[in-house]
PDB file of N, CA and C in Angstrom:
ATOM      1  N   MET A   1     -16.090   2.820   1.783  1.00  0.00           N
ATOM      2  CA  MET A   1     -15.461   2.550   0.494  1.00  0.00           C
ATOM      3  C   MET A   1     -14.240   3.445   0.337  1.00  0.00           C
ATOM      4  N   ALA A   2     -13.157   2.850  -0.127  1.00  0.00           N
ATOM      5  CA  ALA A   2     -11.921   3.597  -0.364  1.00  0.00           C
ATOM      6  C   ALA A   2     -11.927   4.162  -1.788  1.00  0.00           C
ATOM      7  N   TYR A   3     -11.230   5.292  -1.966  1.00  0.00           N
ATOM      8  CA  TYR A   3     -11.087   5.854  -3.300  1.00  0.00           C
ATOM      9  C   TYR A   3      -9.761   6.611  -3.408  1.00  0.00           C
ATOM     10  N   LEU A   4      -9.388   6.875  -4.641  1.00  0.00           N
ATOM     11  CA  LEU A   4      -8.192   7.648  -4.952  1.00  0.00           C
ATOM     12  C   LEU A   4      -8.665   8.956  -5.566  1.00  0.00           C
ATOM     13  N   ALA A   5      -8.202  10.084  -4.998  1.00  0.00           N
ATOM     14  CA  ALA A   5      -8.622  11.403  -5.476  1.00  0.00           C
ATOM     15  C   ALA A   5      -7.442  12.114  -6.128  1.00  0.00           C
ATOM     16  N   LEU A   6      -7.641  12.618  -7.351  1.00  0.00           N
ATOM     17  CA  LEU A   6      -6.648  13.436  -8.032  1.00  0.00           C
ATOM     18  C   LEU A   6      -6.815  14.861  -7.517  1.00  0.00           C
ATOM     19  N   ILE A   7      -5.702  15.432  -7.016  1.00  0.00           N
ATOM     20  CA  ILE A   7      -5.764  16.737  -6.357  1.00  0.00           C
ATOM     21  C   ILE A   7      -4.881  17.745  -7.103  1.00  0.00           C
ATOM     22  N   VAL A   8      -5.446  18.919  -7.346  1.00  0.00           N
ATOM     23  CA  VAL A   8      -4.691  20.045  -7.905  1.00  0.00           C
ATOM     24  C   VAL A   8      -4.953  21.243  -6.998  1.00  0.00           C
ATOM     25  N   GLU A   9      -3.888  21.763  -6.405  1.00  0.00           N
ATOM     26  CA  GLU A   9      -3.983  22.904  -5.484  1.00  0.00           C
ATOM     27  C   GLU A   9      -5.055  22.678  -4.415  1.00  0.00           C
ATOM     28  N   ASP A  10      -5.001  21.521  -3.772  1.00  0.00           N
ATOM     29  CA  ASP A  10      -5.903  21.132  -2.677  1.00  0.00           C
ATOM     30  C   ASP A  10      -7.373  21.001  -3.092  1.00  0.00           C
ATOM     31  N   VAL A  11      -7.633  20.879  -4.392  1.00  0.00           N
ATOM     32  CA  VAL A  11      -8.994  20.689  -4.881  1.00  0.00           C
ATOM     33  C   VAL A  11      -9.065  19.334  -5.582  1.00  0.00           C
ATOM     34  N   VAL A  12     -10.076  18.527  -5.224  1.00  0.00           N
ATOM     35  CA  VAL A  12     -10.268  17.231  -5.871  1.00  0.00           C
ATOM     36  C   VAL A  12     -10.879  17.477  -7.242  1.00  0.00           C
ATOM     37  N   ILE A  13     -10.165  17.032  -8.302  1.00  0.00           N
ATOM     38  CA  ILE A  13     -10.698  17.241  -9.648  1.00  0.00           C
ATOM     39  C   ILE A  13     -11.214  15.955 -10.270  1.00  0.00           C
ATOM     40  N   ASN A  14     -10.887  14.815  -9.658  1.00  0.00           N
ATOM     41  CA  ASN A  14     -11.414  13.534 -10.118  1.00  0.00           C
ATOM     42  C   ASN A  14     -11.200  12.514  -9.021  1.00  0.00           C
ATOM     43  N   LYS A  15     -12.030  11.480  -8.994  1.00  0.00           N
ATOM     44  CA  LYS A  15     -11.808  10.410  -8.022  1.00  0.00           C
ATOM     45  C   LYS A  15     -12.259   9.079  -8.592  1.00  0.00           C
ATOM     46  N   TRP A  16     -11.595   8.032  -8.126  1.00  0.00           N
ATOM     47  CA  TRP A  16     -11.873   6.666  -8.563  1.00  0.00           C
ATOM     48  C   TRP A  16     -12.126   5.799  -7.351  1.00  0.00           C
ATOM     49  N   GLU A  17     -13.300   5.156  -7.320  1.00  0.00           N
ATOM     50  CA  GLU A  17     -13.594   4.220  -6.239  1.00  0.00           C
ATOM     51  C   GLU A  17     -12.782   2.952  -6.453  1.00  0.00           C
ATOM     52  N   LEU A  18     -12.258   2.412  -5.385  1.00  0.00           N
ATOM     53  CA  LEU A  18     -11.446   1.198  -5.458  1.00  0.00           C
ATOM     54  C   LEU A  18     -12.358  -0.001  -5.218  1.00  0.00           C
ATOM     55  N   ASN A  19     -13.168  -0.305  -6.226  1.00  0.00           N
ATOM     56  CA  ASN A  19     -14.177  -1.345  -6.097  1.00  0.00           C
ATOM     57  C   ASN A  19     -13.851  -2.597  -6.915  1.00  0.00           C
ATOM     58  N   GLN A  20     -12.587  -2.744  -7.315  1.00  0.00           N
ATOM     59  CA  GLN A  20     -12.117  -3.924  -8.036  1.00  0.00           C
ATOM     60  C   GLN A  20     -10.947  -4.508  -7.246  1.00  0.00           C
ATOM     61  N   ASP A  21     -10.589  -5.768  -7.547  1.00  0.00           N
ATOM     62  CA  ASP A  21      -9.449  -6.394  -6.871  1.00  0.00           C
ATOM     63  C   ASP A  21      -8.135  -5.737  -7.271  1.00  0.00           C
ATOM     64  N   GLU A  22      -8.052  -5.238  -8.507  1.00  0.00           N
ATOM     65  CA  GLU A  22      -6.846  -4.589  -9.018  1.00  0.00           C
ATOM     66  C   GLU A  22      -7.228  -3.435  -9.911  1.00  0.00           C
ATOM     67  N   LEU A  23      -6.492  -2.336  -9.795  1.00  0.00           N
ATOM     68  CA  LEU A  23      -6.674  -1.201 -10.697  1.00  0.00           C
ATOM     69  C   LEU A  23      -5.309  -0.807 -11.232  1.00  0.00           C
ATOM     70  N   LEU A  24      -5.219  -0.719 -12.543  1.00  0.00           N
ATOM     71  CA  LEU A  24      -3.974  -0.358 -13.219  1.00  0.00           C
ATOM     72  C   LEU A  24      -3.946   1.150 -13.437  1.00  0.00           C
ATOM     73  N   ILE A  25      -2.798   1.764 -13.119  1.00  0.00           N
ATOM     74  CA  ILE A  25      -2.604   3.204 -13.290  1.00  0.00           C
ATOM     75  C   ILE A  25      -1.548   3.404 -14.373  1.00  0.00           C
ATOM     76  N   GLY A  26      -1.863   4.228 -15.371  1.00  0.00           N
ATOM     77  CA  GLY A  26      -0.874   4.466 -16.417  1.00  0.00           C
ATOM     78  C   GLY A  26      -1.366   5.363 -17.519  1.00  0.00           C
ATOM     79  N   ARG A  27      -0.528   5.491 -18.545  1.00  0.00           N
ATOM     80  CA  ARG A  27      -0.790   6.407 -19.656  1.00  0.00           C
ATOM     81  C   ARG A  27      -1.620   5.783 -20.774  1.00  0.00           C
ATOM     82  N   VAL A  28      -1.638   4.452 -20.887  1.00  0.00           N
ATOM     83  CA  VAL A  28      -2.403   3.834 -21.973  1.00  0.00           C
ATOM     84  C   VAL A  28      -3.899   3.866 -21.653  1.00  0.00           C
ATOM     85  N   LYS A  29      -4.688   3.942 -22.696  1.00  0.00           N
ATOM     86  CA  LYS A  29      -6.133   4.151 -22.542  1.00  0.00           C
ATOM     87  C   LYS A  29      -6.854   3.051 -21.773  1.00  0.00           C
ATOM     88  N   PHE A  30      -6.342   1.799 -21.828  1.00  0.00           N
ATOM     89  CA  PHE A  30      -7.062   0.718 -21.154  1.00  0.00           C
ATOM     90  C   PHE A  30      -6.819   0.668 -19.643  1.00  0.00           C
ATOM     91  N   CYS A  31      -5.971   1.551 -19.114  1.00  0.00           N
ATOM     92  CA  CYS A  31      -5.737   1.580 -17.666  1.00  0.00           C
ATOM     93  C   CYS A  31      -7.015   2.012 -16.944  1.00  0.00           C
ATOM     94  N   ASP A  32      -7.230   1.437 -15.763  1.00  0.00           N
ATOM     95  CA  ASP A  32      -8.400   1.800 -14.959  1.00  0.00           C
ATOM     96  C   ASP A  32      -8.333   3.261 -14.533  1.00  0.00           C
ATOM     97  N   ILE A  33      -7.115   3.720 -14.213  1.00  0.00           N
ATOM     98  CA  ILE A  33      -6.877   5.125 -13.893  1.00  0.00           C
ATOM     99  C   ILE A  33      -5.922   5.636 -14.963  1.00  0.00           C
ATOM    100  N   HIS A  34      -6.509   6.278 -15.980  1.00  0.00           N
ATOM    101  CA  HIS A  34      -5.767   6.730 -17.159  1.00  0.00           C
ATOM    102  C   HIS A  34      -5.258   8.145 -16.914  1.00  0.00           C
ATOM    103  N   ILE A  35      -3.923   8.348 -17.086  1.00  0.00           N
ATOM    104  CA  ILE A  35      -3.304   9.648 -16.846  1.00  0.00           C
ATOM    105  C   ILE A  35      -2.581  10.095 -18.119  1.00  0.00           C
ATOM    106  N   GLU A  36      -3.019  11.224 -18.673  1.00  0.00           N
ATOM    107  CA  GLU A  36      -2.358  11.808 -19.838  1.00  0.00           C
ATOM    108  C   GLU A  36      -1.212  12.677 -19.349  1.00  0.00           C
ATOM    109  N   ASP A  37      -0.032  12.080 -19.205  1.00  0.00           N
ATOM    110  CA  ASP A  37       1.140  12.786 -18.701  1.00  0.00           C
ATOM    111  C   ASP A  37       2.360  12.022 -19.206  1.00  0.00           C
ATOM    112  N   ARG A  38       3.242  12.683 -19.952  1.00  0.00           N
ATOM    113  CA  ARG A  38       4.418  12.019 -20.527  1.00  0.00           C
ATOM    114  C   ARG A  38       5.376  11.501 -19.458  1.00  0.00           C
ATOM    115  N   ALA A  39       5.273  11.991 -18.227  1.00  0.00           N
ATOM    116  CA  ALA A  39       6.123  11.520 -17.132  1.00  0.00           C
ATOM    117  C   ALA A  39       5.590  10.230 -16.510  1.00  0.00           C
ATOM    118  N   VAL A  40       4.424   9.778 -16.979  1.00  0.00           N
ATOM    119  CA  VAL A  40       3.800   8.554 -16.477  1.00  0.00           C
ATOM    120  C   VAL A  40       4.064   7.429 -17.470  1.00  0.00           C
ATOM    121  N   SER A  41       4.515   6.280 -16.972  1.00  0.00           N
ATOM    122  CA  SER A  41       4.750   5.120 -17.837  1.00  0.00           C
ATOM    123  C   SER A  41       3.423   4.564 -18.335  1.00  0.00           C
ATOM    124  N   SER A  42       3.478   3.808 -19.431  1.00  0.00           N
ATOM    125  CA  SER A  42       2.251   3.255 -20.000  1.00  0.00           C
ATOM    126  C   SER A  42       1.509   2.395 -18.972  1.00  0.00           C
ATOM    127  N   LYS A  43       2.219   1.545 -18.272  1.00  0.00           N
ATOM    128  CA  LYS A  43       1.663   0.791 -17.131  1.00  0.00           C
ATOM    129  C   LYS A  43       2.549   1.144 -15.944  1.00  0.00           C
ATOM    130  N   HIS A  44       2.170   2.160 -15.212  1.00  0.00           N
ATOM    131  CA  HIS A  44       3.028   2.772 -14.203  1.00  0.00           C
ATOM    132  C   HIS A  44       2.956   2.071 -12.839  1.00  0.00           C
ATOM    133  N   ALA A  45       1.748   1.872 -12.361  1.00  0.00           N
ATOM    134  CA  ALA A  45       1.564   1.307 -11.017  1.00  0.00           C
ATOM    135  C   ALA A  45       0.239   0.582 -10.961  1.00  0.00           C
ATOM    136  N   ARG A  46       0.040  -0.142  -9.867  1.00  0.00           N
ATOM    137  CA  ARG A  46      -1.260  -0.786  -9.668  1.00  0.00           C
ATOM    138  C   ARG A  46      -1.642  -0.723  -8.211  1.00  0.00           C
ATOM    139  N   LEU A  47      -2.945  -0.696  -8.004  1.00  0.00           N
ATOM    140  CA  LEU A  47      -3.525  -0.775  -6.669  1.00  0.00           C
ATOM    141  C   LEU A  47      -4.145  -2.155  -6.532  1.00  0.00           C
ATOM    142  N   VAL A  48      -3.783  -2.851  -5.467  1.00  0.00           N
ATOM    143  CA  VAL A  48      -4.324  -4.183  -5.208  1.00  0.00           C
ATOM    144  C   VAL A  48      -5.184  -4.079  -3.956  1.00  0.00           C
ATOM    145  N   VAL A  49      -6.457  -4.415  -4.096  1.00  0.00           N
ATOM    146  CA  VAL A  49      -7.399  -4.377  -2.980  1.00  0.00           C
ATOM    147  C   VAL A  49      -7.576  -5.809  -2.489  1.00  0.00           C
ATOM    148  N   LYS A  50      -7.196  -6.027  -1.231  1.00  0.00           N
ATOM    149  CA  LYS A  50      -7.276  -7.373  -0.653  1.00  0.00           C
ATOM    150  C   LYS A  50      -8.311  -7.383   0.455  1.00  0.00           C
ATOM    151  N   GLN A  51      -9.203  -8.353   0.373  1.00  0.00           N
ATOM    152  CA  GLN A  51     -10.207  -8.510   1.416  1.00  0.00           C
ATOM    153  C   GLN A  51      -9.558  -9.153   2.636  1.00  0.00           C
ATOM    154  N   VAL A  52      -9.676  -8.491   3.775  1.00  0.00           N
ATOM    155  CA  VAL A  52      -9.115  -8.984   5.027  1.00  0.00           C
ATOM    156  C   VAL A  52     -10.219  -8.898   6.072  1.00  0.00           C
ATOM    157  N   PRO A  53     -10.814 -10.026   6.435  1.00  0.00           N
ATOM    158  CA  PRO A  53     -11.991 -10.013   7.306  1.00  0.00           C
ATOM    159  C   PRO A  53     -11.780  -9.353   8.667  1.00  0.00           C
ATOM    160  N   TYR A  54     -10.571  -9.390   9.206  1.00  0.00           N
ATOM    161  CA  TYR A  54     -10.356  -8.833  10.535  1.00  0.00           C
ATOM    162  C   TYR A  54     -10.114  -7.329  10.536  1.00  0.00           C
ATOM    163  N   GLU A  55      -9.967  -6.713   9.378  1.00  0.00           N
ATOM    164  CA  GLU A  55      -9.760  -5.262   9.293  1.00  0.00           C
ATOM    165  C   GLU A  55     -11.107  -4.536   9.316  1.00  0.00           C
ATOM    166  N   GLN A  56     -11.103  -3.329   9.881  1.00  0.00           N
ATOM    167  CA  GLN A  56     -12.281  -2.467   9.828  1.00  0.00           C
ATOM    168  C   GLN A  56     -12.598  -2.201   8.360  1.00  0.00           C
ATOM    169  N   GLY A  57     -13.784  -2.493   7.903  1.00  0.00           N
ATOM    170  CA  GLY A  57     -14.146  -2.281   6.510  1.00  0.00           C
ATOM    171  C   GLY A  57     -13.844  -3.469   5.629  1.00  0.00           C
ATOM    172  N   GLY A  58     -13.047  -4.423   6.123  1.00  0.00           N
ATOM    173  CA  GLY A  58     -12.841  -5.675   5.421  1.00  0.00           C
ATOM    174  C   GLY A  58     -11.818  -5.699   4.310  1.00  0.00           C
ATOM    175  N   SER A  59     -11.035  -4.626   4.084  1.00  0.00           N
ATOM    176  CA  SER A  59     -10.046  -4.666   3.012  1.00  0.00           C
ATOM    177  C   SER A  59      -8.849  -3.772   3.319  1.00  0.00           C
ATOM    178  N   VAL A  60      -7.744  -4.086   2.643  1.00  0.00           N
ATOM    179  CA  VAL A  60      -6.550  -3.243   2.678  1.00  0.00           C
ATOM    180  C   VAL A  60      -6.158  -2.978   1.232  1.00  0.00           C
ATOM    181  N   VAL A  61      -5.420  -1.891   1.001  1.00  0.00           N
ATOM    182  CA  VAL A  61      -5.017  -1.518  -0.351  1.00  0.00           C
ATOM    183  C   VAL A  61      -3.492  -1.399  -0.390  1.00  0.00           C
ATOM    184  N   VAL A  62      -2.899  -2.064  -1.383  1.00  0.00           N
ATOM    185  CA  VAL A  62      -1.453  -2.033  -1.572  1.00  0.00           C
ATOM    186  C   VAL A  62      -1.162  -1.316  -2.891  1.00  0.00           C
ATOM    187  N   LEU A  63      -0.209  -0.380  -2.861  1.00  0.00           N
ATOM    188  CA  LEU A  63       0.247   0.333  -4.055  1.00  0.00           C
ATOM    189  C   LEU A  63       1.559  -0.293  -4.498  1.00  0.00           C
ATOM    190  N   GLU A  64       1.638  -0.672  -5.782  1.00  0.00           N
ATOM    191  CA  GLU A  64       2.850  -1.278  -6.333  1.00  0.00           C
ATOM    192  C   GLU A  64       3.311  -0.499  -7.555  1.00  0.00           C
ATOM    193  N   ASP A  65       4.589  -0.117  -7.569  1.00  0.00           N
ATOM    194  CA  ASP A  65       5.186   0.475  -8.758  1.00  0.00           C
ATOM    195  C   ASP A  65       5.512  -0.666  -9.722  1.00  0.00           C
ATOM    196  N   LEU A  66       5.235  -0.498 -10.992  1.00  0.00           N
ATOM    197  CA  LEU A  66       5.461  -1.551 -11.993  1.00  0.00           C
ATOM    198  C   LEU A  66       6.739  -1.287 -12.785  1.00  0.00           C
ATOM    199  N   ASP A  67       7.835  -1.036 -12.064  1.00  0.00           N
ATOM    200  CA  ASP A  67       9.131  -0.726 -12.678  1.00  0.00           C
ATOM    201  C   ASP A  67       9.008   0.448 -13.648  1.00  0.00           C
ATOM    202  N   SER A  68       8.277   1.462 -13.225  1.00  0.00           N
ATOM    203  CA  SER A  68       8.067   2.640 -14.057  1.00  0.00           C
ATOM    204  C   SER A  68       9.375   3.413 -14.229  1.00  0.00           C
ATOM    205  N   THR A  69       9.440   4.195 -15.293  1.00  0.00           N
ATOM    206  CA  THR A  69      10.639   4.976 -15.583  1.00  0.00           C
ATOM    207  C   THR A  69      10.921   6.013 -14.501  1.00  0.00           C
ATOM    208  N   ASN A  70       9.909   6.744 -14.055  1.00  0.00           N
ATOM    209  CA  ASN A  70      10.102   7.835 -13.099  1.00  0.00           C
ATOM    210  C   ASN A  70       9.730   7.476 -11.670  1.00  0.00           C
ATOM    211  N   GLY A  71       9.278   6.257 -11.435  1.00  0.00           N
ATOM    212  CA  GLY A  71       8.973   5.812 -10.081  1.00  0.00           C
ATOM    213  C   GLY A  71       7.645   6.314  -9.546  1.00  0.00           C
ATOM    214  N   THR A  72       7.304   5.798  -8.370  1.00  0.00           N
ATOM    215  CA  THR A  72       6.077   6.161  -7.677  1.00  0.00           C
ATOM    216  C   THR A  72       6.461   6.643  -6.286  1.00  0.00           C
ATOM    217  N   GLU A  73       5.903   7.787  -5.910  1.00  0.00           N
ATOM    218  CA  GLU A  73       6.245   8.405  -4.634  1.00  0.00           C
ATOM    219  C   GLU A  73       5.060   8.314  -3.677  1.00  0.00           C
ATOM    220  N   LEU A  74       5.340   7.946  -2.438  1.00  0.00           N
ATOM    221  CA  LEU A  74       4.314   7.879  -1.404  1.00  0.00           C
ATOM    222  C   LEU A  74       4.784   8.714  -0.221  1.00  0.00           C
ATOM    223  N   ASN A  75       4.021   9.752   0.093  1.00  0.00           N
ATOM    224  CA  ASN A  75       4.343  10.639   1.213  1.00  0.00           C
ATOM    225  C   ASN A  75       5.787  11.144   1.145  1.00  0.00           C
ATOM    226  N   GLY A  76       6.241  11.483  -0.063  1.00  0.00           N
ATOM    227  CA  GLY A  76       7.543  12.093  -0.232  1.00  0.00           C
ATOM    228  C   GLY A  76       8.712  11.142  -0.414  1.00  0.00           C
ATOM    229  N   ARG A  77       8.456   9.828  -0.450  1.00  0.00           N
ATOM    230  CA  ARG A  77       9.566   8.905  -0.683  1.00  0.00           C
ATOM    231  C   ARG A  77       9.198   7.875  -1.740  1.00  0.00           C
ATOM    232  N   MET A  78      10.203   7.467  -2.498  1.00  0.00           N
ATOM    233  CA  MET A  78       9.995   6.503  -3.571  1.00  0.00           C
ATOM    234  C   MET A  78       9.707   5.129  -2.968  1.00  0.00           C
ATOM    235  N   ILE A  79       8.769   4.411  -3.585  1.00  0.00           N
ATOM    236  CA  ILE A  79       8.405   3.081  -3.083  1.00  0.00           C
ATOM    237  C   ILE A  79       8.377   2.090  -4.238  1.00  0.00           C
ATOM    238  N   SER A  80       8.427   0.814  -3.887  1.00  0.00           N
ATOM    239  CA  SER A  80       8.185  -0.230  -4.878  1.00  0.00           C
ATOM    240  C   SER A  80       6.871  -0.942  -4.562  1.00  0.00           C
ATOM    241  N   ARG A  81       6.593  -1.108  -3.273  1.00  0.00           N
ATOM    242  CA  ARG A  81       5.335  -1.740  -2.846  1.00  0.00           C
ATOM    243  C   ARG A  81       5.055  -1.286  -1.418  1.00  0.00           C
ATOM    244  N   GLN A  82       3.837  -0.800  -1.184  1.00  0.00           N
ATOM    245  CA  GLN A  82       3.536  -0.264   0.140  1.00  0.00           C
ATOM    246  C   GLN A  82       2.042  -0.362   0.441  1.00  0.00           C
ATOM    247  N   LEU A  83       1.727  -0.735   1.660  1.00  0.00           N
ATOM    248  CA  LEU A  83       0.352  -0.733   2.154  1.00  0.00           C
ATOM    249  C   LEU A  83      -0.075   0.717   2.354  1.00  0.00           C
ATOM    250  N   LEU A  84      -1.261   1.090   1.880  1.00  0.00           N
ATOM    251  CA  LEU A  84      -1.735   2.463   1.994  1.00  0.00           C
ATOM    252  C   LEU A  84      -2.518   2.670   3.276  1.00  0.00           C
ATOM    253  N   LYS A  85      -2.405   3.893   3.806  1.00  0.00           N
ATOM    254  CA  LYS A  85      -3.172   4.313   4.967  1.00  0.00           C
ATOM    255  C   LYS A  85      -4.022   5.516   4.566  1.00  0.00           C
ATOM    256  N   ASN A  86      -5.131   5.699   5.259  1.00  0.00           N
ATOM    257  CA  ASN A  86      -6.007   6.829   4.991  1.00  0.00           C
ATOM    258  C   ASN A  86      -5.212   8.135   5.034  1.00  0.00           C
ATOM    259  N   GLY A  87      -5.354   8.951   3.984  1.00  0.00           N
ATOM    260  CA  GLY A  87      -4.693  10.246   3.923  1.00  0.00           C
ATOM    261  C   GLY A  87      -3.342  10.236   3.227  1.00  0.00           C
ATOM    262  N   ASP A  88      -2.844   9.066   2.812  1.00  0.00           N
ATOM    263  CA  ASP A  88      -1.566   8.995   2.118  1.00  0.00           C
ATOM    264  C   ASP A  88      -1.606   9.821   0.832  1.00  0.00           C
ATOM    265  N   ILE A  89      -0.461  10.448   0.511  1.00  0.00           N
ATOM    266  CA  ILE A  89      -0.324  11.238  -0.713  1.00  0.00           C
ATOM    267  C   ILE A  89       0.585  10.476  -1.677  1.00  0.00           C
ATOM    268  N   ILE A  90       0.087  10.256  -2.878  1.00  0.00           N
ATOM    269  CA  ILE A  90       0.792   9.503  -3.919  1.00  0.00           C
ATOM    270  C   ILE A  90       1.113  10.464  -5.050  1.00  0.00           C
ATOM    271  N   LYS A  91       2.355  10.406  -5.531  1.00  0.00           N
ATOM    272  CA  LYS A  91       2.735  11.229  -6.677  1.00  0.00           C
ATOM    273  C   LYS A  91       3.184  10.313  -7.804  1.00  0.00           C
ATOM    274  N   ILE A  92       2.519  10.455  -8.946  1.00  0.00           N
ATOM    275  CA  ILE A  92       2.830   9.690 -10.153  1.00  0.00           C
ATOM    276  C   ILE A  92       2.994  10.698 -11.277  1.00  0.00           C
ATOM    277  N   GLY A  93       4.217  10.785 -11.817  1.00  0.00           N
ATOM    278  CA  GLY A  93       4.503  11.832 -12.795  1.00  0.00           C
ATOM    279  C   GLY A  93       4.318  13.179 -12.138  1.00  0.00           C
ATOM    280  N   PHE A  94       3.549  14.065 -12.774  1.00  0.00           N
ATOM    281  CA  PHE A  94       3.279  15.384 -12.202  1.00  0.00           C
ATOM    282  C   PHE A  94       1.925  15.428 -11.503  1.00  0.00           C
ATOM    283  N   ASN A  95       1.351  14.248 -11.227  1.00  0.00           N
ATOM    284  CA  ASN A  95       0.010  14.155 -10.656  1.00  0.00           C
ATOM    285  C   ASN A  95       0.079  13.749  -9.196  1.00  0.00           C
ATOM    286  N   GLN A  96      -0.754  14.412  -8.386  1.00  0.00           N
ATOM    287  CA  GLN A  96      -0.809  14.109  -6.959  1.00  0.00           C
ATOM    288  C   GLN A  96      -2.184  13.542  -6.622  1.00  0.00           C
ATOM    289  N   PHE A  97      -2.169  12.428  -5.913  1.00  0.00           N
ATOM    290  CA  PHE A  97      -3.390  11.742  -5.501  1.00  0.00           C
ATOM    291  C   PHE A  97      -3.429  11.634  -3.989  1.00  0.00           C
ATOM    292  N   LYS A  98      -4.632  11.575  -3.458  1.00  0.00           N
ATOM    293  CA  LYS A  98      -4.815  11.305  -2.033  1.00  0.00           C
ATOM    294  C   LYS A  98      -5.623  10.025  -1.904  1.00  0.00           C
ATOM    295  N   PHE A  99      -5.130   9.114  -1.053  1.00  0.00           N
ATOM    296  CA  PHE A  99      -5.857   7.883  -0.778  1.00  0.00           C
ATOM    297  C   PHE A  99      -6.806   8.165   0.382  1.00  0.00           C
ATOM    298  N   VAL A 100      -8.085   7.906   0.159  1.00  0.00           N
ATOM    299  CA  VAL A 100      -9.100   8.140   1.180  1.00  0.00           C
ATOM    300  C   VAL A 100      -9.800   6.823   1.460  1.00  0.00           C
ATOM    301  N   ASP A 101      -9.739   6.405   2.718  1.00  0.00           N
ATOM    302  CA  ASP A 101     -10.392   5.168   3.135  1.00  0.00           C
ATOM    303  C   ASP A 101     -11.534   5.539   4.064  1.00  0.00           C
ATOM    304  N   GLY A 102     -12.738   5.534   3.534  1.00  0.00           N
ATOM    305  CA  GLY A 102     -13.924   5.914   4.292  1.00  0.00           C
ATOM    306  C   GLY A 102     -14.224   5.000   5.457  1.00  0.00           C
ATOM    307  N   SER A 103     -13.665   3.792   5.454  1.00  0.00           N
ATOM    308  CA  SER A 103     -13.924   2.860   6.547  1.00  0.00           C
ATOM    309  C   SER A 103     -12.894   2.963   7.660  1.00  0.00           C
ATOM    310  N   ALA A 104     -11.853   3.801   7.466  1.00  0.00           N
ATOM    311  CA  ALA A 104     -10.820   3.946   8.488  1.00  0.00           C
ATOM    312  C   ALA A 104     -11.405   4.595   9.737  1.00  0.00           C
ATOM    313  N   LEU A 105     -10.948   4.141  10.870  1.00  0.00           N
ATOM    314  CA  LEU A 105     -11.417   4.721  12.125  1.00  0.00           C
ATOM    315  C   LEU A 105     -10.883   6.137  12.280  1.00  0.00           C
ATOM    316  N   ASN A 106     -11.744   7.041  12.662  1.00  0.00           N
ATOM    317  CA  ASN A 106     -11.335   8.395  12.982  1.00  0.00           C
ATOM    318  C   ASN A 106     -11.309   8.490  14.502  1.00  0.00           C
ATOM    319  N   LEU A 107     -10.108   8.495  15.075  1.00  0.00           N
ATOM    320  CA  LEU A 107      -9.985   8.450  16.532  1.00  0.00           C
ATOM    321  C   LEU A 107     -10.567   9.688  17.195  1.00  0.00           C
ATOM    322  N   ASP A 108     -10.580  10.831  16.518  1.00  0.00           N
ATOM    323  CA  ASP A 108     -11.193  12.028  17.095  1.00  0.00           C
ATOM    324  C   ASP A 108     -12.688  11.834  17.310  1.00  0.00           C
ATOM    325  N   GLU A 109     -13.325  11.133  16.379  1.00  0.00           N
ATOM    326  CA  GLU A 109     -14.772  10.931  16.491  1.00  0.00           C
ATOM    327  C   GLU A 109     -15.122   9.867  17.511  1.00  0.00           C
ATOM    328  N   THR A 110     -14.199   8.937  17.796  1.00  0.00           N
ATOM    329  CA  THR A 110     -14.506   7.851  18.711  1.00  0.00           C
ATOM    330  C   THR A 110     -13.935   8.064  20.103  1.00  0.00           C
ATOM    331  N   ALA A 111     -13.222   9.171  20.296  1.00  0.00           N
ATOM    332  CA  ALA A 111     -12.608   9.415  21.601  1.00  0.00           C
ATOM    333  C   ALA A 111     -13.667   9.701  22.653  1.00  0.00           C
ATOM    334  N   VAL A 112     -13.402   9.208  23.848  1.00  0.00           N
ATOM    335  CA  VAL A 112     -14.277   9.481  24.992  1.00  0.00           C
ATOM    336  C   VAL A 112     -13.516  10.431  25.902  1.00  0.00           C
ATOM    337  N   ILE A 113     -14.131  11.550  26.175  1.00  0.00           N
ATOM    338  CA  ILE A 113     -13.500  12.552  27.033  1.00  0.00           C
ATOM    339  C   ILE A 113     -13.964  12.303  28.467  1.00  0.00           C
ATOM    340  N   VAL A 114     -13.007  12.071  29.350  1.00  0.00           N
ATOM    341  CA  VAL A 114     -13.322  11.840  30.751  1.00  0.00           C
ATOM    342  C   VAL A 114     -12.967  13.122  31.498  1.00  0.00           C
ATOM    343  N   GLY A 115     -13.951  13.691  32.190  1.00  0.00           N
ATOM    344  CA  GLY A 115     -13.697  14.983  32.836  1.00  0.00           C
ATOM    345  C   GLY A 115     -13.732  14.956  34.312  1.00  0.00           C
TER     346      GLY A 115
END
């Protein structure tokens, strides 16, 4: 299962499982991921979870900026729409999130050492 973790000084202070087809991120109370930050637009961004049968874990997650005032940053660059990868860092307003995909392959764990 994939989730979005809110990180402050490398400590996870909150996390949201991505168990819906769409999750709205913003400052208004009805957002799925509600952020109290004046630098965040009322409806700032959305996460779209798409079921893809051929992918490991069966889904991919797309981050979309909703024409927010201050934009959405992914791994240090501004984006409008981007497919997320395990470990991606998202910045919305003054908040930093980490995208964690528990179904992503960890090549270190699956590597075969030939000696």
